[in-house]
Amino acid sequence: MNAAPALIGYAAAIGYVAPQAMLRSSWPHRAPALAASVWHALAVSFAISVALAAYQLVSPTEHLHAGLAGILHSCGVVLSMGTGDPNTADLMAIALPVAVLLALILSFAFHVARGRRARSRHRSVLDMVGRHCGQLHATVIEHASPAAYCLPGRRARIVVSEGAVQLLSAAQLDAVLEHERAHVVGRHHLVFAAAEAFTTVFGWVPLARHVKEQTAILLEMIADDRALRRHSHDVLASAMYEMAAAYAPKGAFAAGGHSVSVRIQRLLGPRREAHPALWGCVAAAAVAVPLLPLLVAFCSPGHA
């Protein structure tokens, strides 16, 4: 027997069980960058498992004969396709994993291009209605409501409204702008596009939905942590409270948004530091998880 059953079981565990374990854990909000890495490692591991399972299912083996046709035959399903052609099975065995990989790549490219187009259109509008402020290193727009967001990418732009400039203190405004700079420097739009691509291809799996949701929240927390290098928790939390209902265009990252309440609780709640050994173990798991399906496939008795 080949490794297909083991790979399918592993994919099911990663796709359905692992997300619940992550959501019930308390450590991700204490180490958002590491948590985002783990979520993406789970996504990569699931994709590899599905690709390898597809390969194993259609690969001719001693026990599966013509691969998938052999499985159907053993279940009493007779296909009028004559004798299985090993060359055809070999082509299918290669084509299916490549199709999974290609779908992810094309989906990622689509989301990156769509975000780039949306940001480009919005930058054109900003060129007409905004003014560059050298002191803030940002584009200021004449709008009474407080708002601050960034347009990441090759022509990155940080935008703040006149309402935010008037409402926030100097320290609060600098904390908000530092938060937005973190999104630009960290290229968070590419990280989020990867999560969107996985969700587009594997949207029927709970892991896919949670990867997108959690990546969005964790990227905001990562940006918060950068702002905390220069400002206190109280300053950042109060600024986030004022900006909670801030508007952000499509393709942008905003200081406000639906995750503000969770992030404020994180900033003002008790701060517990975990032992470095825990972070080391989690980091090692993030590296090892994508490699496990490869280990299962290549160590299976049916592997030639």
C-alpha atoms as a PDB file:
ATOM      1  CA  MET A   1       0.000   0.000   0.000  1.00  0.00           C
ATOM      2  CA  ASN A   2       1.263   3.513  -0.786  1.00  0.00           C
ATOM      3  CA  ALA A   3       1.151   6.617   1.423  1.00  0.00           C
ATOM      4  CA  ALA A   4      -2.135   8.052   0.103  1.00  0.00           C
ATOM      5  CA  PRO A   5      -4.265   7.113   3.165  1.00  0.00           C
ATOM      6  CA  ALA A   6      -1.676   8.502   5.566  1.00  0.00           C
ATOM      7  CA  LEU A   7      -1.391  11.723   3.567  1.00  0.00           C
ATOM      8  CA  ILE A   8      -5.155  12.145   3.390  1.00  0.00           C
ATOM      9  CA  GLY A   9      -5.411  11.604   7.141  1.00  0.00           C
ATOM     10  CA  TYR A  10      -2.604  14.088   7.746  1.00  0.00           C
ATOM     11  CA  ALA A  11      -4.267  16.672   5.490  1.00  0.00           C
ATOM     12  CA  ALA A  12      -7.550  16.202   7.368  1.00  0.00           C
ATOM     13  CA  ALA A  13      -5.801  16.759  10.695  1.00  0.00           C
ATOM     14  CA  ILE A  14      -4.070  19.900   9.409  1.00  0.00           C
ATOM     15  CA  GLY A  15      -7.178  21.231   7.697  1.00  0.00           C
ATOM     16  CA  TYR A  16      -9.725  20.566  10.438  1.00  0.00           C
ATOM     17  CA  VAL A  17      -8.048  19.864  13.799  1.00  0.00           C
ATOM     18  CA  ALA A  18      -4.976  22.121  13.806  1.00  0.00           C
ATOM     19  CA  PRO A  19      -6.957  25.380  13.332  1.00  0.00           C
ATOM     20  CA  GLN A  20      -9.024  24.680  16.437  1.00  0.00           C
ATOM     21  CA  ALA A  21      -5.892  23.990  18.457  1.00  0.00           C
ATOM     22  CA  MET A  22      -4.385  27.286  17.287  1.00  0.00           C
ATOM     23  CA  LEU A  23      -7.552  29.271  18.036  1.00  0.00           C
ATOM     24  CA  ARG A  24      -7.759  27.884  21.563  1.00  0.00           C
ATOM     25  CA  SER A  25      -4.137  28.718  22.338  1.00  0.00           C
ATOM     26  CA  SER A  26      -3.243  31.910  24.161  1.00  0.00           C
ATOM     27  CA  TRP A  27       0.333  32.291  22.894  1.00  0.00           C
ATOM     28  CA  PRO A  28      -0.349  33.547  19.310  1.00  0.00           C
ATOM     29  CA  HIS A  29      -1.290  37.049  20.470  1.00  0.00           C
ATOM     30  CA  ARG A  30       1.887  37.212  22.547  1.00  0.00           C
ATOM     31  CA  ALA A  31       4.043  36.354  19.527  1.00  0.00           C
ATOM     32  CA  PRO A  32       2.054  37.452  16.456  1.00  0.00           C
ATOM     33  CA  ALA A  33       4.935  37.147  13.982  1.00  0.00           C
ATOM     34  CA  LEU A  34       5.611  33.585  15.059  1.00  0.00           C
ATOM     35  CA  ALA A  35       1.895  32.779  15.026  1.00  0.00           C
ATOM     36  CA  ALA A  36       1.525  34.113  11.478  1.00  0.00           C
ATOM     37  CA  SER A  37       4.443  31.899  10.455  1.00  0.00           C
ATOM     38  CA  VAL A  38       2.748  28.867  12.008  1.00  0.00           C
ATOM     39  CA  TRP A  39      -0.549  29.569  10.223  1.00  0.00           C
ATOM     40  CA  HIS A  40       1.261  29.832   6.888  1.00  0.00           C
ATOM     41  CA  ALA A  41       3.311  26.721   7.661  1.00  0.00           C
ATOM     42  CA  LEU A  42       0.054  24.825   8.221  1.00  0.00           C
ATOM     43  CA  ALA A  43      -1.237  26.119   4.882  1.00  0.00           C
ATOM     44  CA  VAL A  44       1.933  25.027   3.076  1.00  0.00           C
ATOM     45  CA  SER A  45       1.814  21.647   4.781  1.00  0.00           C
ATOM     46  CA  PHE A  46      -1.815  21.121   3.782  1.00  0.00           C
ATOM     47  CA  ALA A  47      -1.107  22.040   0.156  1.00  0.00           C
ATOM     48  CA  ILE A  48       1.880  19.666   0.017  1.00  0.00           C
ATOM     49  CA  SER A  49      -0.204  16.882   1.565  1.00  0.00           C
ATOM     50  CA  VAL A  50      -2.982  17.317  -0.979  1.00  0.00           C
ATOM     51  CA  ALA A  51      -0.510  17.402  -3.874  1.00  0.00           C
ATOM     52  CA  LEU A  52       1.344  14.296  -2.676  1.00  0.00           C
ATOM     53  CA  ALA A  53      -1.899  12.431  -1.927  1.00  0.00           C
ATOM     54  CA  ALA A  54      -3.091  13.137  -5.471  1.00  0.00           C
ATOM     55  CA  TYR A  55       0.234  11.863  -6.787  1.00  0.00           C
ATOM     56  CA  GLN A  56       0.033   8.693  -4.699  1.00  0.00           C
ATOM     57  CA  LEU A  57      -3.575   7.995  -5.651  1.00  0.00           C
ATOM     58  CA  VAL A  58      -2.943   7.935  -9.391  1.00  0.00           C
ATOM     59  CA  SER A  59       0.576   6.473  -9.331  1.00  0.00           C
ATOM     60  CA  PRO A  60       0.692   2.842 -10.434  1.00  0.00           C
ATOM     61  CA  THR A  61       1.887   0.720  -7.529  1.00  0.00           C
ATOM     62  CA  GLU A  62       2.091  -2.961  -6.731  1.00  0.00           C
ATOM     63  CA  HIS A  63      -1.170  -2.881  -4.813  1.00  0.00           C
ATOM     64  CA  LEU A  64      -3.073  -0.169  -6.594  1.00  0.00           C
ATOM     65  CA  HIS A  65      -2.483  -1.431 -10.145  1.00  0.00           C
ATOM     66  CA  ALA A  66      -3.556   1.518 -12.288  1.00  0.00           C
ATOM     67  CA  GLY A  67      -3.793   3.835  -9.338  1.00  0.00           C
ATOM     68  CA  LEU A  68      -7.230   5.372  -8.917  1.00  0.00           C
ATOM     69  CA  ALA A  69      -8.754   2.899 -11.335  1.00  0.00           C
ATOM     70  CA  GLY A  70      -7.434   0.091  -9.147  1.00  0.00           C
ATOM     71  CA  ILE A  71      -9.081   1.584  -6.069  1.00  0.00           C
ATOM     72  CA  LEU A  72     -12.429   1.866  -7.852  1.00  0.00           C
ATOM     73  CA  HIS A  73     -12.127  -1.696  -9.134  1.00  0.00           C
ATOM     74  CA  SER A  74     -11.390  -3.021  -5.648  1.00  0.00           C
ATOM     75  CA  CYS A  75     -14.605  -1.321  -4.468  1.00  0.00           C
ATOM     76  CA  GLY A  76     -16.648  -3.113  -7.113  1.00  0.00           C
ATOM     77  CA  VAL A  77     -16.785  -0.249  -9.602  1.00  0.00           C
ATOM     78  CA  VAL A  78     -15.999  -1.425 -13.116  1.00  0.00           C
ATOM     79  CA  LEU A  79     -14.818   1.217 -15.596  1.00  0.00           C
ATOM     80  CA  SER A  80     -15.041   0.525 -19.315  1.00  0.00           C
ATOM     81  CA  MET A  81     -11.575   1.928 -20.006  1.00  0.00           C
ATOM     82  CA  GLY A  82      -9.693  -1.188 -20.921  1.00  0.00           C
ATOM     83  CA  THR A  83      -6.269  -1.946 -19.552  1.00  0.00           C
ATOM     84  CA  GLY A  84      -4.704   0.916 -17.645  1.00  0.00           C
ATOM     85  CA  ASP A  85      -1.899   2.637 -19.476  1.00  0.00           C
ATOM     86  CA  PRO A  86       1.075   3.162 -17.126  1.00  0.00           C
ATOM     87  CA  ASN A  87       2.235   6.147 -19.167  1.00  0.00           C
ATOM     88  CA  THR A  88      -1.159   7.824 -18.742  1.00  0.00           C
ATOM     89  CA  ALA A  89      -1.076   7.139 -15.015  1.00  0.00           C
ATOM     90  CA  ASP A  90       2.418   8.595 -14.779  1.00  0.00           C
ATOM     91  CA  LEU A  91       1.283  11.745 -16.592  1.00  0.00           C
ATOM     92  CA  MET A  92      -1.717  12.113 -14.283  1.00  0.00           C
ATOM     93  CA  ALA A  93       0.480  11.528 -11.256  1.00  0.00           C
ATOM     94  CA  ILE A  94       2.603  14.495 -12.296  1.00  0.00           C
ATOM     95  CA  ALA A  95      -0.232  16.663 -13.596  1.00  0.00           C
ATOM     96  CA  LEU A  96      -2.345  16.672 -10.440  1.00  0.00           C
ATOM     97  CA  PRO A  97       0.334  17.961  -8.009  1.00  0.00           C
ATOM     98  CA  VAL A  98       1.429  20.504 -10.612  1.00  0.00           C
ATOM     99  CA  ALA A  99      -2.190  21.639 -10.944  1.00  0.00           C
ATOM    100  CA  VAL A 100      -2.414  22.227  -7.175  1.00  0.00           C
ATOM    101  CA  LEU A 101       0.829  24.216  -7.181  1.00  0.00           C
ATOM    102  CA  LEU A 102      -0.162  26.173 -10.287  1.00  0.00           C
ATOM    103  CA  ALA A 103      -3.566  27.037  -8.818  1.00  0.00           C
ATOM    104  CA  LEU A 104      -1.893  28.496  -5.720  1.00  0.00           C
ATOM    105  CA  ILE A 105       0.644  30.474  -7.749  1.00  0.00           C
ATOM    106  CA  LEU A 106      -1.977  31.892 -10.108  1.00  0.00           C
ATOM    107  CA  SER A 107      -4.264  32.748  -7.203  1.00  0.00           C
ATOM    108  CA  PHE A 108      -1.427  34.547  -5.422  1.00  0.00           C
ATOM    109  CA  ALA A 109      -0.564  36.481  -8.588  1.00  0.00           C
ATOM    110  CA  PHE A 110      -4.220  37.409  -9.048  1.00  0.00           C
ATOM    111  CA  HIS A 111      -4.586  38.805  -5.525  1.00  0.00           C
ATOM    112  CA  VAL A 112      -1.290  40.704  -5.746  1.00  0.00           C
ATOM    113  CA  ALA A 113      -2.286  42.234  -9.102  1.00  0.00           C
ATOM    114  CA  ARG A 114      -5.793  43.106  -7.920  1.00  0.00           C
ATOM    115  CA  GLY A 115      -4.445  44.843  -4.817  1.00  0.00           C
ATOM    116  CA  ARG A 116      -1.862  46.693  -6.901  1.00  0.00           C
ATOM    117  CA  ARG A 117      -4.537  47.983  -9.276  1.00  0.00           C
ATOM    118  CA  ALA A 118      -6.722  49.171  -6.389  1.00  0.00           C
ATOM    119  CA  ARG A 119      -3.807  50.972  -4.745  1.00  0.00           C
ATOM    120  CA  SER A 120      -2.734  52.526  -8.043  1.00  0.00           C
ATOM    121  CA  ARG A 121      -6.216  53.961  -8.610  1.00  0.00           C
ATOM    122  CA  HIS A 122      -6.312  55.346  -5.095  1.00  0.00           C
ATOM    123  CA  ARG A 123      -2.834  56.891  -5.424  1.00  0.00           C
ATOM    124  CA  SER A 124      -4.049  58.731  -8.514  1.00  0.00           C
ATOM    125  CA  VAL A 125      -6.870  60.224  -6.445  1.00  0.00           C
ATOM    126  CA  LEU A 126      -4.461  61.160  -3.654  1.00  0.00           C
ATOM    127  CA  ASP A 127      -2.252  62.995  -6.145  1.00  0.00           C
ATOM    128  CA  MET A 128      -5.203  65.271  -6.858  1.00  0.00           C
ATOM    129  CA  VAL A 129      -6.730  65.763  -3.399  1.00  0.00           C
ATOM    130  CA  GLY A 130      -3.861  65.183  -0.958  1.00  0.00           C
ATOM    131  CA  ARG A 131      -0.801  67.166   0.034  1.00  0.00           C
ATOM    132  CA  HIS A 132       2.540  65.772   1.125  1.00  0.00           C
ATOM    133  CA  CYS A 133       3.640  66.689   4.649  1.00  0.00           C
ATOM    134  CA  GLY A 134       7.398  66.433   5.056  1.00  0.00           C
ATOM    135  CA  GLN A 135       7.187  66.608   8.829  1.00  0.00           C
ATOM    136  CA  LEU A 136       4.885  63.579   9.026  1.00  0.00           C
ATOM    137  CA  HIS A 137       6.350  61.828   5.962  1.00  0.00           C
ATOM    138  CA  ALA A 138       2.772  61.202   4.897  1.00  0.00           C
ATOM    139  CA  THR A 139       0.051  62.423   2.576  1.00  0.00           C
ATOM    140  CA  VAL A 140      -2.565  64.542   4.351  1.00  0.00           C
ATOM    141  CA  ILE A 141      -6.114  64.668   3.019  1.00  0.00           C
ATOM    142  CA  GLU A 142      -8.725  67.276   3.922  1.00  0.00           C
ATOM    143  CA  HIS A 143     -11.234  65.110   5.759  1.00  0.00           C
ATOM    144  CA  ALA A 144     -12.880  65.850   9.100  1.00  0.00           C
ATOM    145  CA  SER A 145     -13.140  62.201  10.211  1.00  0.00           C
ATOM    146  CA  PRO A 146      -9.986  60.679  11.740  1.00  0.00           C
ATOM    147  CA  ALA A 147      -8.358  58.201   9.374  1.00  0.00           C
ATOM    148  CA  ALA A 148      -4.910  56.765   8.787  1.00  0.00           C
ATOM    149  CA  TYR A 149      -3.857  54.004   6.426  1.00  0.00           C
ATOM    150  CA  CYS A 150      -1.035  52.927   4.166  1.00  0.00           C
ATOM    151  CA  LEU A 151      -0.836  51.856   0.546  1.00  0.00           C
ATOM    152  CA  PRO A 152       2.031  49.339   0.503  1.00  0.00           C
ATOM    153  CA  GLY A 153       4.014  48.263  -2.514  1.00  0.00           C
ATOM    154  CA  ARG A 154       6.707  49.769  -4.708  1.00  0.00           C
ATOM    155  CA  ARG A 155       5.163  53.245  -4.507  1.00  0.00           C
ATOM    156  CA  ALA A 156       4.195  53.051  -0.867  1.00  0.00           C
ATOM    157  CA  ARG A 157       2.133  55.856   0.572  1.00  0.00           C
ATOM    158  CA  ILE A 158       1.065  56.599   4.146  1.00  0.00           C
ATOM    159  CA  VAL A 159      -2.113  58.652   4.368  1.00  0.00           C
ATOM    160  CA  VAL A 160      -3.582  60.548   7.303  1.00  0.00           C
ATOM    161  CA  SER A 161      -6.640  62.763   7.431  1.00  0.00           C
ATOM    162  CA  GLU A 162      -6.724  66.329   8.749  1.00  0.00           C
ATOM    163  CA  GLY A 163      -9.254  65.091  11.300  1.00  0.00           C
ATOM    164  CA  ALA A 164      -6.707  62.658  12.740  1.00  0.00           C
ATOM    165  CA  VAL A 165      -4.012  65.345  12.840  1.00  0.00           C
ATOM    166  CA  GLN A 166      -6.332  67.625  14.822  1.00  0.00           C
ATOM    167  CA  LEU A 167      -7.731  64.911  17.110  1.00  0.00           C
ATOM    168  CA  LEU A 168      -4.617  62.981  18.124  1.00  0.00           C
ATOM    169  CA  SER A 169      -1.776  64.191  20.283  1.00  0.00           C
ATOM    170  CA  ALA A 170       1.702  64.321  18.775  1.00  0.00           C
ATOM    171  CA  ALA A 171       2.649  61.044  20.472  1.00  0.00           C
ATOM    172  CA  GLN A 172      -0.579  59.318  19.411  1.00  0.00           C
ATOM    173  CA  LEU A 173      -0.190  60.467  15.808  1.00  0.00           C
ATOM    174  CA  ASP A 174       3.407  59.295  15.671  1.00  0.00           C
ATOM    175  CA  ALA A 175       2.369  55.896  17.083  1.00  0.00           C
ATOM    176  CA  VAL A 176      -0.291  55.550  14.382  1.00  0.00           C
ATOM    177  CA  LEU A 177       2.151  56.515  11.633  1.00  0.00           C
ATOM    178  CA  GLU A 178       4.754  54.094  12.997  1.00  0.00           C
ATOM    179  CA  HIS A 179       2.104  51.376  12.892  1.00  0.00           C
ATOM    180  CA  GLU A 180       1.493  52.102   9.216  1.00  0.00           C
ATOM    181  CA  ARG A 181       5.228  52.165   8.427  1.00  0.00           C
ATOM    182  CA  ALA A 182       5.475  48.649   9.840  1.00  0.00           C
ATOM    183  CA  HIS A 183       2.991  47.417   7.224  1.00  0.00           C
ATOM    184  CA  VAL A 184       5.035  48.999   4.451  1.00  0.00           C
ATOM    185  CA  VAL A 185       8.448  47.818   5.656  1.00  0.00           C
ATOM    186  CA  GLY A 186       7.177  44.318   6.413  1.00  0.00           C
ATOM    187  CA  ARG A 187       5.537  43.967   2.980  1.00  0.00           C
ATOM    188  CA  HIS A 188       2.417  42.759   4.722  1.00  0.00           C
ATOM    189  CA  HIS A 189       0.373  43.022   1.535  1.00  0.00           C
ATOM    190  CA  LEU A 190       2.288  40.031   0.128  1.00  0.00           C
ATOM    191  CA  VAL A 191       1.799  37.998   3.304  1.00  0.00           C
ATOM    192  CA  PHE A 192      -1.931  38.680   3.217  1.00  0.00           C
ATOM    193  CA  ALA A 193      -2.103  37.923  -0.518  1.00  0.00           C
ATOM    194  CA  ALA A 194      -0.616  34.498   0.203  1.00  0.00           C
ATOM    195  CA  ALA A 195      -3.340  33.862   2.781  1.00  0.00           C
ATOM    196  CA  GLU A 196      -5.997  35.025   0.304  1.00  0.00           C
ATOM    197  CA  ALA A 197      -4.581  32.720  -2.379  1.00  0.00           C
ATOM    198  CA  PHE A 198      -4.773  29.697  -0.084  1.00  0.00           C
ATOM    199  CA  THR A 199      -8.342  30.612   0.880  1.00  0.00           C
ATOM    200  CA  THR A 200      -9.346  30.938  -2.775  1.00  0.00           C
ATOM    201  CA  VAL A 201      -8.028  27.486  -3.683  1.00  0.00           C
ATOM    202  CA  PHE A 202      -8.974  25.598  -0.504  1.00  0.00           C
ATOM    203  CA  GLY A 203     -11.913  27.655   0.745  1.00  0.00           C
ATOM    204  CA  TRP A 204     -13.863  24.539   1.679  1.00  0.00           C
ATOM    205  CA  VAL A 205     -11.374  23.707   4.456  1.00  0.00           C
ATOM    206  CA  PRO A 206     -11.693  25.436   7.868  1.00  0.00           C
ATOM    207  CA  LEU A 207      -7.931  26.057   7.849  1.00  0.00           C
ATOM    208  CA  ALA A 208      -8.285  28.288   4.785  1.00  0.00           C
ATOM    209  CA  ARG A 209     -10.909  30.536   6.358  1.00  0.00           C
ATOM    210  CA  HIS A 210      -8.974  30.866   9.599  1.00  0.00           C
ATOM    211  CA  VAL A 211      -5.645  31.505   7.855  1.00  0.00           C
ATOM    212  CA  LYS A 212      -7.075  34.579   6.154  1.00  0.00           C
ATOM    213  CA  GLU A 213      -8.849  35.908   9.254  1.00  0.00           C
ATOM    214  CA  GLN A 214      -5.968  35.291  11.633  1.00  0.00           C
ATOM    215  CA  THR A 215      -3.341  36.625   9.241  1.00  0.00           C
ATOM    216  CA  ALA A 216      -5.222  39.927   9.015  1.00  0.00           C
ATOM    217  CA  ILE A 217      -5.381  40.254  12.810  1.00  0.00           C
ATOM    218  CA  LEU A 218      -1.810  39.108  13.418  1.00  0.00           C
ATOM    219  CA  LEU A 219      -0.376  41.523  10.851  1.00  0.00           C
ATOM    220  CA  GLU A 220      -2.053  44.371  12.723  1.00  0.00           C
ATOM    221  CA  MET A 221      -0.551  43.116  15.979  1.00  0.00           C
ATOM    222  CA  ILE A 222       2.880  42.898  14.366  1.00  0.00           C
ATOM    223  CA  ALA A 223       2.528  46.532  13.318  1.00  0.00           C
ATOM    224  CA  ASP A 224       1.373  47.425  16.847  1.00  0.00           C
ATOM    225  CA  ASP A 225       4.511  45.844  18.286  1.00  0.00           C
ATOM    226  CA  ARG A 226       6.696  47.994  16.064  1.00  0.00           C
ATOM    227  CA  ALA A 227       4.899  51.120  17.286  1.00  0.00           C
ATOM    228  CA  LEU A 228       5.484  49.969  20.870  1.00  0.00           C
ATOM    229  CA  ARG A 229       9.236  50.245  20.337  1.00  0.00           C
ATOM    230  CA  ARG A 230       8.859  54.027  20.519  1.00  0.00           C
ATOM    231  CA  HIS A 231       5.608  54.549  22.403  1.00  0.00           C
ATOM    232  CA  SER A 232       3.896  53.247  25.503  1.00  0.00           C
ATOM    233  CA  HIS A 233       1.015  50.806  25.522  1.00  0.00           C
ATOM    234  CA  ASP A 234      -1.340  53.519  26.795  1.00  0.00           C
ATOM    235  CA  VAL A 235      -0.447  55.949  24.009  1.00  0.00           C
ATOM    236  CA  LEU A 236      -0.975  53.367  21.275  1.00  0.00           C
ATOM    237  CA  ALA A 237      -4.163  51.975  22.832  1.00  0.00           C
ATOM    238  CA  SER A 238      -5.704  55.445  23.165  1.00  0.00           C
ATOM    239  CA  ALA A 239      -4.785  56.284  19.574  1.00  0.00           C
ATOM    240  CA  MET A 240      -6.332  53.033  18.358  1.00  0.00           C
ATOM    241  CA  TYR A 241      -9.504  53.821  20.312  1.00  0.00           C
ATOM    242  CA  GLU A 242      -9.805  57.194  18.583  1.00  0.00           C
ATOM    243  CA  MET A 243      -9.196  55.572  15.197  1.00  0.00           C
ATOM    244  CA  ALA A 244     -11.462  52.560  15.710  1.00  0.00           C
ATOM    245  CA  ALA A 245     -13.963  53.566  13.044  1.00  0.00           C
ATOM    246  CA  ALA A 246     -11.366  54.857  10.581  1.00  0.00           C
ATOM    247  CA  TYR A 247     -12.004  54.201   6.887  1.00  0.00           C
ATOM    248  CA  ALA A 248      -9.510  52.398   4.670  1.00  0.00           C
ATOM    249  CA  PRO A 249      -9.747  51.879   0.902  1.00  0.00           C
ATOM    250  CA  LYS A 250      -9.421  48.503  -0.744  1.00  0.00           C
ATOM    251  CA  GLY A 251      -5.877  47.166  -0.749  1.00  0.00           C
ATOM    252  CA  ALA A 252      -4.800  49.330   2.207  1.00  0.00           C
ATOM    253  CA  PHE A 253      -3.959  48.648   5.848  1.00  0.00           C
ATOM    254  CA  ALA A 254      -5.634  50.891   8.412  1.00  0.00           C
ATOM    255  CA  ALA A 255      -4.872  51.621  12.051  1.00  0.00           C
ATOM    256  CA  GLY A 256      -8.515  51.018  12.922  1.00  0.00           C
ATOM    257  CA  GLY A 257     -10.846  48.266  11.802  1.00  0.00           C
ATOM    258  CA  HIS A 258     -12.788  45.376  13.278  1.00  0.00           C
ATOM    259  CA  SER A 259      -9.796  43.995  15.179  1.00  0.00           C
ATOM    260  CA  VAL A 260      -9.288  47.120  17.302  1.00  0.00           C
ATOM    261  CA  SER A 261     -11.094  45.776  20.384  1.00  0.00           C
ATOM    262  CA  VAL A 262      -8.980  42.605  20.464  1.00  0.00           C
ATOM    263  CA  ARG A 263      -5.789  44.596  19.962  1.00  0.00           C
ATOM    264  CA  ILE A 264      -6.632  47.112  22.696  1.00  0.00           C
ATOM    265  CA  GLN A 265      -7.325  44.266  25.119  1.00  0.00           C
ATOM    266  CA  ARG A 266      -3.960  42.805  24.180  1.00  0.00           C
ATOM    267  CA  LEU A 267      -2.195  46.124  24.846  1.00  0.00           C
ATOM    268  CA  LEU A 268      -3.897  46.906  28.148  1.00  0.00           C
ATOM    269  CA  GLY A 269      -4.283  43.371  29.494  1.00  0.00           C
ATOM    270  CA  PRO A 270      -1.767  41.475  31.624  1.00  0.00           C
ATOM    271  CA  ARG A 271       1.499  40.905  29.794  1.00  0.00           C
ATOM    272  CA  ARG A 272       2.818  37.397  30.308  1.00  0.00           C
ATOM    273  CA  GLU A 273       6.193  36.456  28.961  1.00  0.00           C
ATOM    274  CA  ALA A 274       6.632  32.850  27.911  1.00  0.00           C
ATOM    275  CA  HIS A 275       9.859  30.955  28.353  1.00  0.00           C
ATOM    276  CA  PRO A 276      12.201  31.244  25.331  1.00  0.00           C
ATOM    277  CA  ALA A 277      12.161  27.458  25.106  1.00  0.00           C
ATOM    278  CA  LEU A 278       8.471  27.608  24.194  1.00  0.00           C
ATOM    279  CA  TRP A 279       9.151  30.009  21.328  1.00  0.00           C
ATOM    280  CA  GLY A 280      12.007  27.767  20.183  1.00  0.00           C
ATOM    281  CA  CYS A 281       9.725  24.730  20.109  1.00  0.00           C
ATOM    282  CA  VAL A 282       7.003  26.604  18.226  1.00  0.00           C
ATOM    283  CA  ALA A 283       9.514  27.940  15.704  1.00  0.00           C
ATOM    284  CA  ALA A 284      10.913  24.440  15.177  1.00  0.00           C
ATOM    285  CA  ALA A 285       7.384  23.117  14.656  1.00  0.00           C
ATOM    286  CA  ALA A 286       6.703  25.833  12.071  1.00  0.00           C
ATOM    287  CA  VAL A 287       9.738  24.661  10.107  1.00  0.00           C
ATOM    288  CA  ALA A 288       9.024  20.949  10.538  1.00  0.00           C
ATOM    289  CA  VAL A 289       5.300  20.896   9.737  1.00  0.00           C
ATOM    290  CA  PRO A 290       5.669  21.500   5.974  1.00  0.00           C
ATOM    291  CA  LEU A 291       8.293  18.739   5.823  1.00  0.00           C
ATOM    292  CA  LEU A 292       6.153  16.060   7.488  1.00  0.00           C
ATOM    293  CA  PRO A 293       4.072  15.142   4.408  1.00  0.00           C
ATOM    294  CA  LEU A 294       7.310  14.717   2.444  1.00  0.00           C
ATOM    295  CA  LEU A 295       8.598  12.405   5.146  1.00  0.00           C
ATOM    296  CA  VAL A 296       5.374  10.387   5.084  1.00  0.00           C
ATOM    297  CA  ALA A 297       5.483  10.048   1.298  1.00  0.00           C
ATOM    298  CA  PHE A 298       9.141   9.110   0.932  1.00  0.00           C
ATOM    299  CA  CYS A 299       9.210   6.735   3.878  1.00  0.00           C
ATOM    300  CA  SER A 300       6.131   4.790   2.784  1.00  0.00           C
ATOM    301  CA  PRO A 301       6.641   1.131   1.845  1.00  0.00           C
ATOM    302  CA  GLY A 302       5.155   1.719  -1.595  1.00  0.00           C
ATOM    303  CA  HIS A 303       7.607   4.469  -2.506  1.00  0.00           C
ATOM    304  CA  ALA A 304       9.972   3.465  -5.260  1.00  0.00           C
END
